[in-house]
Amino acid sequence: MLKKLFKNLHLLILITLNLFELENKRIPVGGQAVIEGVLMKGKKLWGLAVRKTSGEIFSEAWPNKSRTERMPFKLPFVRGVVVMCEMMATGFKALSKSAAVALEETQEQFTFKDLLMSVLIAIFAVGGLFIALPLWSAKLLNLSPLMTNIAEGVFRAVIFIAYVAIIGLWSDIKQVFKYHGAEHKTINAFEGGLEMTPENIMKCSRIHPRCGTSFLLIAVIVSIIVFSPVKILIGGSFLNQVLARIILIPVVIGISYEIIRLASNSGTVGKFFISPFLTLQYLTTREPDIKQAEVGLKSLDTAMNGGII
């Protein structure tokens, strides 16, 4: 039970890497990897495709309705937080469904209790690893307030990258990374105007400029600026500092979302700005096989069903 819980925890954290896979302004497509499958976001539908143990591909679609289409949720800096909440809810639904489908012929089941426990553990893990530990490490250096904040951001980035690299050694996580690569290749093929076949998808890059992984690195940089006034306004208590940072996470999310949204819609300049952040995708994606490309294609077809493509 404990092994399964921590396995689900790692998968859940990995799925958050894709929460901000922004849609293309011209062609509304985004996606994320799930267990043995891919979730795609079309203009009107979500499309989930999962490879069953029998070899068949299960697919399911449900409506894509966002609160960001109306006020006040579509306001800049607010919409980023709303998108994250919506994507987390959808991600949890897709995670639970993909686990149920992929593990259909095994004795292991992914229950709502498992999911709830995984979410709670993930919250504590994020708070401990990515907020408390970097803050504590930076304080040990006894630097000036500005340099302490910069050191905290550097520690946060290093811890995050190390965490992704380490769990990427796990075979189950490698499989999710392969589907992440299949998802990127599928979107790249679609946006590149290629004939949508698994063979053409395999020819495309597994790196994509709108991946949520880039968002997380930008959020680290933004957090240095946002968290800088905290010590002056809140005080020196370590617990207060941690709680203040947790409270300010929506601010970091809102600003980071607007930055990556602007970069993704700014042509060559935006690509130049975002390019250094794309290197992390070599850790969060792996080269998929053609069967995984088939799943990516099925997911896209499901999301775009209704004569859109």
C-alpha atoms as a PDB file:
ATOM      1  CA  MET A   1       0.000   0.000   0.000  1.00  0.00           C
ATOM      2  CA  LEU A   2       2.762   2.459   0.975  1.00  0.00           C
ATOM      3  CA  LYS A   3       4.747   1.615  -2.176  1.00  0.00           C
ATOM      4  CA  LYS A   4       1.688   2.234  -4.337  1.00  0.00           C
ATOM      5  CA  LEU A   5       0.972   5.500  -2.521  1.00  0.00           C
ATOM      6  CA  PHE A   6       4.444   6.882  -3.157  1.00  0.00           C
ATOM      7  CA  LYS A   7       4.319   5.661  -6.749  1.00  0.00           C
ATOM      8  CA  ASN A   8       1.103   7.625  -7.225  1.00  0.00           C
ATOM      9  CA  LEU A   9       2.701  10.621  -5.482  1.00  0.00           C
ATOM     10  CA  HIS A  10       5.581  10.735  -7.966  1.00  0.00           C
ATOM     11  CA  LEU A  11       3.209  10.400 -10.907  1.00  0.00           C
ATOM     12  CA  LEU A  12       1.024  13.159  -9.487  1.00  0.00           C
ATOM     13  CA  ILE A  13       3.965  15.535  -9.076  1.00  0.00           C
ATOM     14  CA  LEU A  14       5.137  14.715 -12.595  1.00  0.00           C
ATOM     15  CA  ILE A  15       1.745  15.548 -14.037  1.00  0.00           C
ATOM     16  CA  THR A  16       1.987  19.003 -12.459  1.00  0.00           C
ATOM     17  CA  LEU A  17       4.963  19.600 -14.780  1.00  0.00           C
ATOM     18  CA  ASN A  18       2.413  19.876 -17.600  1.00  0.00           C
ATOM     19  CA  LEU A  19      -0.209  22.029 -15.913  1.00  0.00           C
ATOM     20  CA  PHE A  20       0.714  25.108 -17.895  1.00  0.00           C
ATOM     21  CA  GLU A  21       1.110  23.596 -21.339  1.00  0.00           C
ATOM     22  CA  LEU A  22      -0.406  26.670 -22.944  1.00  0.00           C
ATOM     23  CA  GLU A  23      -2.592  26.534 -26.001  1.00  0.00           C
ATOM     24  CA  ASN A  24      -1.399  27.827 -29.343  1.00  0.00           C
ATOM     25  CA  LYS A  25      -3.094  31.130 -30.153  1.00  0.00           C
ATOM     26  CA  ARG A  26      -4.051  29.926 -33.650  1.00  0.00           C
ATOM     27  CA  ILE A  27      -4.701  26.259 -32.949  1.00  0.00           C
ATOM     28  CA  PRO A  28      -6.027  25.604 -29.430  1.00  0.00           C
ATOM     29  CA  VAL A  29      -4.095  22.476 -28.458  1.00  0.00           C
ATOM     30  CA  GLY A  30      -2.301  21.561 -25.250  1.00  0.00           C
ATOM     31  CA  GLY A  31      -1.731  18.360 -23.340  1.00  0.00           C
ATOM     32  CA  GLN A  32      -0.107  16.333 -20.614  1.00  0.00           C
ATOM     33  CA  ALA A  33       1.098  12.807 -19.972  1.00  0.00           C
ATOM     34  CA  VAL A  34      -0.803  10.400 -17.730  1.00  0.00           C
ATOM     35  CA  ILE A  35      -0.342   6.769 -16.761  1.00  0.00           C
ATOM     36  CA  GLU A  36       0.178   4.785 -19.998  1.00  0.00           C
ATOM     37  CA  GLY A  37      -1.444   7.567 -21.959  1.00  0.00           C
ATOM     38  CA  VAL A  38      -1.914  11.171 -23.006  1.00  0.00           C
ATOM     39  CA  LEU A  39      -4.505  13.831 -22.220  1.00  0.00           C
ATOM     40  CA  MET A  40      -5.072  16.493 -24.895  1.00  0.00           C
ATOM     41  CA  LYS A  41      -6.941  19.785 -24.644  1.00  0.00           C
ATOM     42  CA  GLY A  42      -8.847  20.904 -27.714  1.00  0.00           C
ATOM     43  CA  LYS A  43     -11.032  23.948 -28.252  1.00  0.00           C
ATOM     44  CA  LYS A  44     -14.218  22.250 -27.054  1.00  0.00           C
ATOM     45  CA  LEU A  45     -13.151  18.875 -25.679  1.00  0.00           C
ATOM     46  CA  TRP A  46     -10.653  17.108 -23.477  1.00  0.00           C
ATOM     47  CA  GLY A  47      -9.423  13.899 -25.080  1.00  0.00           C
ATOM     48  CA  LEU A  48      -7.900  11.067 -23.046  1.00  0.00           C
ATOM     49  CA  ALA A  49      -6.222   8.035 -24.642  1.00  0.00           C
ATOM     50  CA  VAL A  50      -4.718   5.186 -22.600  1.00  0.00           C
ATOM     51  CA  ARG A  51      -3.016   1.964 -23.691  1.00  0.00           C
ATOM     52  CA  LYS A  52      -4.704  -0.988 -22.011  1.00  0.00           C
ATOM     53  CA  THR A  53      -2.806  -4.099 -20.925  1.00  0.00           C
ATOM     54  CA  SER A  54      -4.533  -5.930 -23.780  1.00  0.00           C
ATOM     55  CA  GLY A  55      -2.856  -3.574 -26.262  1.00  0.00           C
ATOM     56  CA  GLU A  56      -6.059  -1.752 -27.222  1.00  0.00           C
ATOM     57  CA  ILE A  57      -6.294   2.032 -26.881  1.00  0.00           C
ATOM     58  CA  PHE A  58      -9.043   3.312 -24.615  1.00  0.00           C
ATOM     59  CA  SER A  59     -10.317   6.817 -25.354  1.00  0.00           C
ATOM     60  CA  GLU A  60     -12.760   9.179 -23.701  1.00  0.00           C
ATOM     61  CA  ALA A  61     -13.790  12.803 -24.219  1.00  0.00           C
ATOM     62  CA  TRP A  62     -15.485  15.334 -21.986  1.00  0.00           C
ATOM     63  CA  PRO A  63     -16.378  19.045 -22.412  1.00  0.00           C
ATOM     64  CA  ASN A  64     -13.681  21.676 -22.066  1.00  0.00           C
ATOM     65  CA  LYS A  65     -15.229  24.658 -20.309  1.00  0.00           C
ATOM     66  CA  SER A  66     -13.054  27.266 -18.637  1.00  0.00           C
ATOM     67  CA  ARG A  67     -13.991  30.029 -16.216  1.00  0.00           C
ATOM     68  CA  THR A  68     -11.288  32.169 -17.842  1.00  0.00           C
ATOM     69  CA  GLU A  69     -13.758  32.974 -20.602  1.00  0.00           C
ATOM     70  CA  ARG A  70     -15.663  35.322 -18.292  1.00  0.00           C
ATOM     71  CA  MET A  71     -14.970  38.082 -15.803  1.00  0.00           C
ATOM     72  CA  PRO A  72     -13.264  38.394 -13.395  1.00  0.00           C
ATOM     73  CA  PHE A  73     -11.471  35.087 -14.039  1.00  0.00           C
ATOM     74  CA  LYS A  74     -10.047  36.178 -17.391  1.00  0.00           C
ATOM     75  CA  LEU A  75      -8.208  39.176 -15.954  1.00  0.00           C
ATOM     76  CA  PRO A  76      -4.395  39.099 -16.284  1.00  0.00           C
ATOM     77  CA  PHE A  77      -2.628  37.587 -13.258  1.00  0.00           C
ATOM     78  CA  VAL A  78      -5.952  36.099 -12.091  1.00  0.00           C
ATOM     79  CA  ARG A  79      -6.365  33.763 -15.058  1.00  0.00           C
ATOM     80  CA  GLY A  80      -3.086  31.969 -14.342  1.00  0.00           C
ATOM     81  CA  VAL A  81      -4.294  30.797 -10.935  1.00  0.00           C
ATOM     82  CA  VAL A  82      -7.693  29.840 -12.375  1.00  0.00           C
ATOM     83  CA  VAL A  83      -6.028  27.849 -15.176  1.00  0.00           C
ATOM     84  CA  MET A  84      -3.865  26.002 -12.655  1.00  0.00           C
ATOM     85  CA  CYS A  85      -6.860  25.069 -10.489  1.00  0.00           C
ATOM     86  CA  GLU A  86      -8.815  23.877 -13.521  1.00  0.00           C
ATOM     87  CA  MET A  87      -5.868  21.934 -14.907  1.00  0.00           C
ATOM     88  CA  MET A  88      -5.210  20.283 -11.542  1.00  0.00           C
ATOM     89  CA  ALA A  89      -8.842  19.180 -11.298  1.00  0.00           C
ATOM     90  CA  THR A  90      -8.748  17.828 -14.852  1.00  0.00           C
ATOM     91  CA  GLY A  91      -5.312  16.290 -14.280  1.00  0.00           C
ATOM     92  CA  PHE A  92      -6.527  14.424 -11.201  1.00  0.00           C
ATOM     93  CA  LYS A  93      -9.541  13.143 -13.148  1.00  0.00           C
ATOM     94  CA  ALA A  94      -7.335  11.977 -16.017  1.00  0.00           C
ATOM     95  CA  LEU A  95      -4.795  10.437 -13.628  1.00  0.00           C
ATOM     96  CA  SER A  96      -7.461   8.447 -11.815  1.00  0.00           C
ATOM     97  CA  LYS A  97      -9.087   7.324 -15.074  1.00  0.00           C
ATOM     98  CA  SER A  98      -5.811   6.386 -16.745  1.00  0.00           C
ATOM     99  CA  ALA A  99      -4.714   4.393 -13.702  1.00  0.00           C
ATOM    100  CA  ALA A 100      -8.020   2.494 -13.655  1.00  0.00           C
ATOM    101  CA  VAL A 101      -7.733   1.701 -17.374  1.00  0.00           C
ATOM    102  CA  ALA A 102      -4.009   0.883 -17.443  1.00  0.00           C
ATOM    103  CA  LEU A 103      -4.201  -1.353 -14.362  1.00  0.00           C
ATOM    104  CA  GLU A 104      -7.481  -2.977 -15.382  1.00  0.00           C
ATOM    105  CA  GLU A 105      -6.132  -6.519 -15.461  1.00  0.00           C
ATOM    106  CA  THR A 106      -4.071  -6.282 -12.260  1.00  0.00           C
ATOM    107  CA  GLN A 107      -5.026  -6.599  -8.635  1.00  0.00           C
ATOM    108  CA  GLU A 108      -3.861  -3.046  -7.920  1.00  0.00           C
ATOM    109  CA  GLN A 109      -6.542  -0.377  -7.850  1.00  0.00           C
ATOM    110  CA  PHE A 110      -6.244   3.391  -7.742  1.00  0.00           C
ATOM    111  CA  THR A 111      -8.975   4.535  -5.369  1.00  0.00           C
ATOM    112  CA  PHE A 112     -10.188   8.010  -4.428  1.00  0.00           C
ATOM    113  CA  LYS A 113      -8.593   7.483  -1.013  1.00  0.00           C
ATOM    114  CA  ASP A 114      -5.238   6.778  -2.689  1.00  0.00           C
ATOM    115  CA  LEU A 115      -5.601   9.920  -4.777  1.00  0.00           C
ATOM    116  CA  LEU A 116      -6.524  12.033  -1.750  1.00  0.00           C
ATOM    117  CA  MET A 117      -3.594  10.692   0.239  1.00  0.00           C
ATOM    118  CA  SER A 118      -1.278  11.295  -2.704  1.00  0.00           C
ATOM    119  CA  VAL A 119      -2.456  14.911  -2.952  1.00  0.00           C
ATOM    120  CA  LEU A 120      -1.893  15.494   0.770  1.00  0.00           C
ATOM    121  CA  ILE A 121       1.577  13.939   0.642  1.00  0.00           C
ATOM    122  CA  ALA A 122       2.349  15.994  -2.459  1.00  0.00           C
ATOM    123  CA  ILE A 123       1.368  19.206  -0.656  1.00  0.00           C
ATOM    124  CA  PHE A 124       3.672  18.409   2.265  1.00  0.00           C
ATOM    125  CA  ALA A 125       6.426  17.303  -0.114  1.00  0.00           C
ATOM    126  CA  VAL A 126       6.205  20.531  -2.118  1.00  0.00           C
ATOM    127  CA  GLY A 127       6.114  22.608   1.060  1.00  0.00           C
ATOM    128  CA  GLY A 128       9.072  20.784   2.568  1.00  0.00           C
ATOM    129  CA  LEU A 129      11.288  20.240  -0.473  1.00  0.00           C
ATOM    130  CA  PHE A 130      10.648  23.343  -2.535  1.00  0.00           C
ATOM    131  CA  ILE A 131       9.818  25.988   0.083  1.00  0.00           C
ATOM    132  CA  ALA A 132      11.142  25.134   3.548  1.00  0.00           C
ATOM    133  CA  LEU A 133      14.386  23.372   2.520  1.00  0.00           C
ATOM    134  CA  PRO A 134      15.629  26.117   0.127  1.00  0.00           C
ATOM    135  CA  LEU A 135      14.771  28.800   2.688  1.00  0.00           C
ATOM    136  CA  TRP A 136      16.569  26.948   5.496  1.00  0.00           C
ATOM    137  CA  SER A 137      19.603  26.252   3.288  1.00  0.00           C
ATOM    138  CA  ALA A 138      19.875  29.906   2.236  1.00  0.00           C
ATOM    139  CA  LYS A 139      19.649  31.121   5.837  1.00  0.00           C
ATOM    140  CA  LEU A 140      22.632  28.947   6.787  1.00  0.00           C
ATOM    141  CA  LEU A 141      24.842  31.061   4.500  1.00  0.00           C
ATOM    142  CA  ASN A 142      24.206  34.184   6.604  1.00  0.00           C
ATOM    143  CA  LEU A 143      24.176  36.527   3.596  1.00  0.00           C
ATOM    144  CA  SER A 144      22.520  39.894   3.018  1.00  0.00           C
ATOM    145  CA  PRO A 145      18.722  39.830   2.541  1.00  0.00           C
ATOM    146  CA  LEU A 146      19.030  40.227  -1.261  1.00  0.00           C
ATOM    147  CA  MET A 147      21.706  37.562  -1.630  1.00  0.00           C
ATOM    148  CA  THR A 148      19.760  35.249   0.707  1.00  0.00           C
ATOM    149  CA  ASN A 149      16.720  35.498  -1.569  1.00  0.00           C
ATOM    150  CA  ILE A 150      18.842  34.812  -4.644  1.00  0.00           C
ATOM    151  CA  ALA A 151      20.507  31.845  -2.917  1.00  0.00           C
ATOM    152  CA  GLU A 152      17.076  30.534  -1.923  1.00  0.00           C
ATOM    153  CA  GLY A 153      15.938  30.675  -5.552  1.00  0.00           C
ATOM    154  CA  VAL A 154      19.087  28.908  -6.728  1.00  0.00           C
ATOM    155  CA  PHE A 155      18.658  26.185  -4.092  1.00  0.00           C
ATOM    156  CA  ARG A 156      15.006  25.778  -5.121  1.00  0.00           C
ATOM    157  CA  ALA A 157      15.961  25.343  -8.780  1.00  0.00           C
ATOM    158  CA  VAL A 158      18.761  22.877  -7.957  1.00  0.00           C
ATOM    159  CA  ILE A 159      16.508  20.814  -5.672  1.00  0.00           C
ATOM    160  CA  PHE A 160      13.762  20.710  -8.294  1.00  0.00           C
ATOM    161  CA  ILE A 161      16.100  19.669 -11.111  1.00  0.00           C
ATOM    162  CA  ALA A 162      17.771  17.042  -8.897  1.00  0.00           C
ATOM    163  CA  TYR A 163      14.375  15.671  -7.850  1.00  0.00           C
ATOM    164  CA  VAL A 164      13.222  15.304 -11.472  1.00  0.00           C
ATOM    165  CA  ALA A 165      16.523  13.708 -12.481  1.00  0.00           C
ATOM    166  CA  ILE A 166      16.452  11.186  -9.620  1.00  0.00           C
ATOM    167  CA  ILE A 167      12.851  10.041 -10.014  1.00  0.00           C
ATOM    168  CA  GLY A 168      13.455   9.840 -13.768  1.00  0.00           C
ATOM    169  CA  LEU A 169      15.599   6.788 -13.023  1.00  0.00           C
ATOM    170  CA  TRP A 170      12.469   4.888 -11.903  1.00  0.00           C
ATOM    171  CA  SER A 171      11.057   2.683 -14.691  1.00  0.00           C
ATOM    172  CA  ASP A 172       7.438   3.749 -14.067  1.00  0.00           C
ATOM    173  CA  ILE A 173       8.393   7.413 -14.282  1.00  0.00           C
ATOM    174  CA  LYS A 174      10.446   6.802 -17.431  1.00  0.00           C
ATOM    175  CA  GLN A 175       7.289   5.426 -19.006  1.00  0.00           C
ATOM    176  CA  VAL A 176       5.390   8.623 -18.160  1.00  0.00           C
ATOM    177  CA  PHE A 177       8.292  10.652 -19.574  1.00  0.00           C
ATOM    178  CA  LYS A 178       7.980   8.683 -22.838  1.00  0.00           C
ATOM    179  CA  TYR A 179       4.308   9.580 -23.074  1.00  0.00           C
ATOM    180  CA  HIS A 180       5.272  13.177 -22.321  1.00  0.00           C
ATOM    181  CA  GLY A 181       7.593  12.983 -25.313  1.00  0.00           C
ATOM    182  CA  ALA A 182       4.827  11.425 -27.436  1.00  0.00           C
ATOM    183  CA  GLU A 183       2.489  14.235 -26.457  1.00  0.00           C
ATOM    184  CA  HIS A 184       5.018  16.896 -27.505  1.00  0.00           C
ATOM    185  CA  LYS A 185       5.800  15.132 -30.779  1.00  0.00           C
ATOM    186  CA  THR A 186       2.090  14.858 -31.588  1.00  0.00           C
ATOM    187  CA  ILE A 187       1.480  18.567 -30.984  1.00  0.00           C
ATOM    188  CA  ASN A 188       4.594  19.506 -32.964  1.00  0.00           C
ATOM    189  CA  ALA A 189       3.430  17.381 -35.900  1.00  0.00           C
ATOM    190  CA  PHE A 190      -0.041  18.911 -35.763  1.00  0.00           C
ATOM    191  CA  GLU A 191       1.188  22.493 -35.513  1.00  0.00           C
ATOM    192  CA  GLY A 192       3.735  21.797 -38.249  1.00  0.00           C
ATOM    193  CA  GLY A 193       0.960  20.858 -40.672  1.00  0.00           C
ATOM    194  CA  LEU A 194       2.181  17.294 -41.191  1.00  0.00           C
ATOM    195  CA  GLU A 195      -0.056  14.435 -42.184  1.00  0.00           C
ATOM    196  CA  MET A 196      -1.109  13.001 -38.853  1.00  0.00           C
ATOM    197  CA  THR A 197       0.366   9.507 -38.824  1.00  0.00           C
ATOM    198  CA  PRO A 198       2.396   7.801 -36.083  1.00  0.00           C
ATOM    199  CA  GLU A 199       5.377   7.691 -38.462  1.00  0.00           C
ATOM    200  CA  ASN A 200       5.308  11.464 -39.021  1.00  0.00           C
ATOM    201  CA  ILE A 201       4.835  12.096 -35.316  1.00  0.00           C
ATOM    202  CA  MET A 202       7.989  10.097 -34.567  1.00  0.00           C
ATOM    203  CA  LYS A 203      10.001  12.411 -36.846  1.00  0.00           C
ATOM    204  CA  CYS A 204       9.171  15.478 -34.734  1.00  0.00           C
ATOM    205  CA  SER A 205      11.017  16.927 -31.744  1.00  0.00           C
ATOM    206  CA  ARG A 206      10.072  15.911 -28.230  1.00  0.00           C
ATOM    207  CA  ILE A 207      10.831  19.475 -27.070  1.00  0.00           C
ATOM    208  CA  HIS A 208       7.979  21.992 -27.131  1.00  0.00           C
ATOM    209  CA  PRO A 209       8.165  25.729 -26.336  1.00  0.00           C
ATOM    210  CA  ARG A 210       4.903  25.833 -24.368  1.00  0.00           C
ATOM    211  CA  CYS A 211       5.678  22.971 -21.982  1.00  0.00           C
ATOM    212  CA  GLY A 212       4.784  23.545 -18.343  1.00  0.00           C
ATOM    213  CA  THR A 213       8.282  22.493 -17.320  1.00  0.00           C
ATOM    214  CA  SER A 214       9.550  25.858 -18.585  1.00  0.00           C
ATOM    215  CA  PHE A 215       6.864  27.568 -16.528  1.00  0.00           C
ATOM    216  CA  LEU A 216       8.219  26.040 -13.331  1.00  0.00           C
ATOM    217  CA  LEU A 217      11.729  27.374 -13.920  1.00  0.00           C
ATOM    218  CA  ILE A 218      10.360  30.833 -14.673  1.00  0.00           C
ATOM    219  CA  ALA A 219       8.341  30.588 -11.447  1.00  0.00           C
ATOM    220  CA  VAL A 220      11.572  29.993  -9.529  1.00  0.00           C
ATOM    221  CA  ILE A 221      12.991  33.273 -10.876  1.00  0.00           C
ATOM    222  CA  VAL A 222       9.755  35.156 -10.197  1.00  0.00           C
ATOM    223  CA  SER A 223       9.682  33.788  -6.634  1.00  0.00           C
ATOM    224  CA  ILE A 224      13.018  35.496  -5.901  1.00  0.00           C
ATOM    225  CA  ILE A 225      11.422  38.872  -6.646  1.00  0.00           C
ATOM    226  CA  VAL A 226       8.060  38.163  -4.999  1.00  0.00           C
ATOM    227  CA  PHE A 227       9.526  36.666  -1.826  1.00  0.00           C
ATOM    228  CA  SER A 228      12.135  39.420  -1.362  1.00  0.00           C
ATOM    229  CA  PRO A 229       9.924  41.777   0.732  1.00  0.00           C
ATOM    230  CA  VAL A 230       8.626  38.949   2.924  1.00  0.00           C
ATOM    231  CA  LYS A 231      11.346  39.116   5.591  1.00  0.00           C
ATOM    232  CA  ILE A 232      10.900  42.875   5.993  1.00  0.00           C
ATOM    233  CA  LEU A 233       7.091  42.747   6.174  1.00  0.00           C
ATOM    234  CA  ILE A 234       6.582  39.462   8.055  1.00  0.00           C
ATOM    235  CA  GLY A 235       9.586  39.182  10.339  1.00  0.00           C
ATOM    236  CA  GLY A 236      12.375  36.715  10.874  1.00  0.00           C
ATOM    237  CA  SER A 237      10.468  33.692  12.214  1.00  0.00           C
ATOM    238  CA  PHE A 238      11.243  30.664  10.005  1.00  0.00           C
ATOM    239  CA  LEU A 239       7.666  29.343  10.261  1.00  0.00           C
ATOM    240  CA  ASN A 240       6.234  32.747   9.348  1.00  0.00           C
ATOM    241  CA  GLN A 241       8.575  32.929   6.373  1.00  0.00           C
ATOM    242  CA  VAL A 242       7.450  29.521   5.115  1.00  0.00           C
ATOM    243  CA  LEU A 243       3.746  30.298   5.584  1.00  0.00           C
ATOM    244  CA  ALA A 244       4.137  33.662   3.825  1.00  0.00           C
ATOM    245  CA  ARG A 245       5.739  31.958   0.853  1.00  0.00           C
ATOM    246  CA  ILE A 246       2.916  29.427   0.660  1.00  0.00           C
ATOM    247  CA  ILE A 247       0.363  32.253   0.744  1.00  0.00           C
ATOM    248  CA  LEU A 248       2.232  34.083  -2.029  1.00  0.00           C
ATOM    249  CA  ILE A 249       2.331  31.061  -4.362  1.00  0.00           C
ATOM    250  CA  PRO A 250      -0.786  32.288  -6.290  1.00  0.00           C
ATOM    251  CA  VAL A 251       1.012  35.603  -6.914  1.00  0.00           C
ATOM    252  CA  VAL A 252       4.055  33.763  -8.278  1.00  0.00           C
ATOM    253  CA  ILE A 253       1.797  31.592 -10.446  1.00  0.00           C
ATOM    254  CA  GLY A 254      -0.125  34.577 -11.820  1.00  0.00           C
ATOM    255  CA  ILE A 255       2.991  36.527 -12.786  1.00  0.00           C
ATOM    256  CA  SER A 256       4.807  33.494 -14.219  1.00  0.00           C
ATOM    257  CA  TYR A 257       1.780  32.549 -16.316  1.00  0.00           C
ATOM    258  CA  GLU A 258       1.655  36.011 -17.889  1.00  0.00           C
ATOM    259  CA  ILE A 259       5.391  35.918 -18.660  1.00  0.00           C
ATOM    260  CA  ILE A 260       5.294  32.547 -20.428  1.00  0.00           C
ATOM    261  CA  ARG A 261       2.042  33.477 -22.185  1.00  0.00           C
ATOM    262  CA  LEU A 262       3.629  36.677 -23.494  1.00  0.00           C
ATOM    263  CA  ALA A 263       6.774  34.816 -24.567  1.00  0.00           C
ATOM    264  CA  SER A 264       4.792  32.124 -26.388  1.00  0.00           C
ATOM    265  CA  ASN A 265       2.922  34.789 -28.379  1.00  0.00           C
ATOM    266  CA  SER A 266       5.932  37.018 -29.148  1.00  0.00           C
ATOM    267  CA  GLY A 267       7.433  35.226 -32.135  1.00  0.00           C
ATOM    268  CA  THR A 268      11.210  35.167 -32.488  1.00  0.00           C
ATOM    269  CA  VAL A 269      11.837  37.347 -29.436  1.00  0.00           C
ATOM    270  CA  GLY A 270       9.687  35.088 -27.274  1.00  0.00           C
ATOM    271  CA  LYS A 271      11.426  31.969 -28.589  1.00  0.00           C
ATOM    272  CA  PHE A 272      14.823  33.493 -27.797  1.00  0.00           C
ATOM    273  CA  PHE A 273      13.703  34.327 -24.250  1.00  0.00           C
ATOM    274  CA  ILE A 274      12.202  30.914 -23.565  1.00  0.00           C
ATOM    275  CA  SER A 275      14.922  28.803 -25.206  1.00  0.00           C
ATOM    276  CA  PRO A 276      17.198  28.503 -22.114  1.00  0.00           C
ATOM    277  CA  PHE A 277      14.267  27.115 -20.123  1.00  0.00           C
ATOM    278  CA  LEU A 278      13.562  24.355 -22.659  1.00  0.00           C
ATOM    279  CA  THR A 279      16.644  22.337 -21.724  1.00  0.00           C
ATOM    280  CA  LEU A 280      14.905  20.885 -18.663  1.00  0.00           C
ATOM    281  CA  GLN A 281      12.575  19.025 -21.030  1.00  0.00           C
ATOM    282  CA  TYR A 282      15.449  16.675 -21.822  1.00  0.00           C
ATOM    283  CA  LEU A 283      14.920  15.424 -18.248  1.00  0.00           C
ATOM    284  CA  THR A 284      11.105  15.377 -18.263  1.00  0.00           C
ATOM    285  CA  THR A 285      10.679  13.711 -21.673  1.00  0.00           C
ATOM    286  CA  ARG A 286      12.053  10.548 -23.272  1.00  0.00           C
ATOM    287  CA  GLU A 287      11.945   9.341 -26.860  1.00  0.00           C
ATOM    288  CA  PRO A 288       8.671   7.409 -27.264  1.00  0.00           C
ATOM    289  CA  ASP A 289       8.103   4.355 -29.428  1.00  0.00           C
ATOM    290  CA  ILE A 290       5.625   4.267 -32.283  1.00  0.00           C
ATOM    291  CA  LYS A 291       2.924   2.658 -30.109  1.00  0.00           C
ATOM    292  CA  GLN A 292       3.113   5.595 -27.727  1.00  0.00           C
ATOM    293  CA  ALA A 293       2.894   7.943 -30.713  1.00  0.00           C
ATOM    294  CA  GLU A 294      -0.314   6.106 -31.669  1.00  0.00           C
ATOM    295  CA  VAL A 295      -1.720   6.906 -28.232  1.00  0.00           C
ATOM    296  CA  GLY A 296      -0.773  10.571 -28.622  1.00  0.00           C
ATOM    297  CA  LEU A 297      -2.496  10.684 -32.010  1.00  0.00           C
ATOM    298  CA  LYS A 298      -5.621   9.005 -30.622  1.00  0.00           C
ATOM    299  CA  SER A 299      -5.727  11.520 -27.782  1.00  0.00           C
ATOM    300  CA  LEU A 300      -5.492  14.440 -30.205  1.00  0.00           C
ATOM    301  CA  ASP A 301      -8.161  12.969 -32.476  1.00  0.00           C
ATOM    302  CA  THR A 302     -10.446  12.562 -29.465  1.00  0.00           C
ATOM    303  CA  ALA A 303      -9.858  16.132 -28.259  1.00  0.00           C
ATOM    304  CA  MET A 304     -10.460  17.582 -31.719  1.00  0.00           C
ATOM    305  CA  ASN A 305     -13.452  15.394 -32.548  1.00  0.00           C
ATOM    306  CA  GLY A 306     -16.352  17.091 -34.313  1.00  0.00           C
ATOM    307  CA  GLY A 307     -14.866  17.982 -37.693  1.00  0.00           C
ATOM    308  CA  ILE A 308     -12.319  20.488 -36.324  1.00  0.00           C
ATOM    309  CA  ILE A 309      -9.450  18.573 -37.938  1.00  0.00           C
END
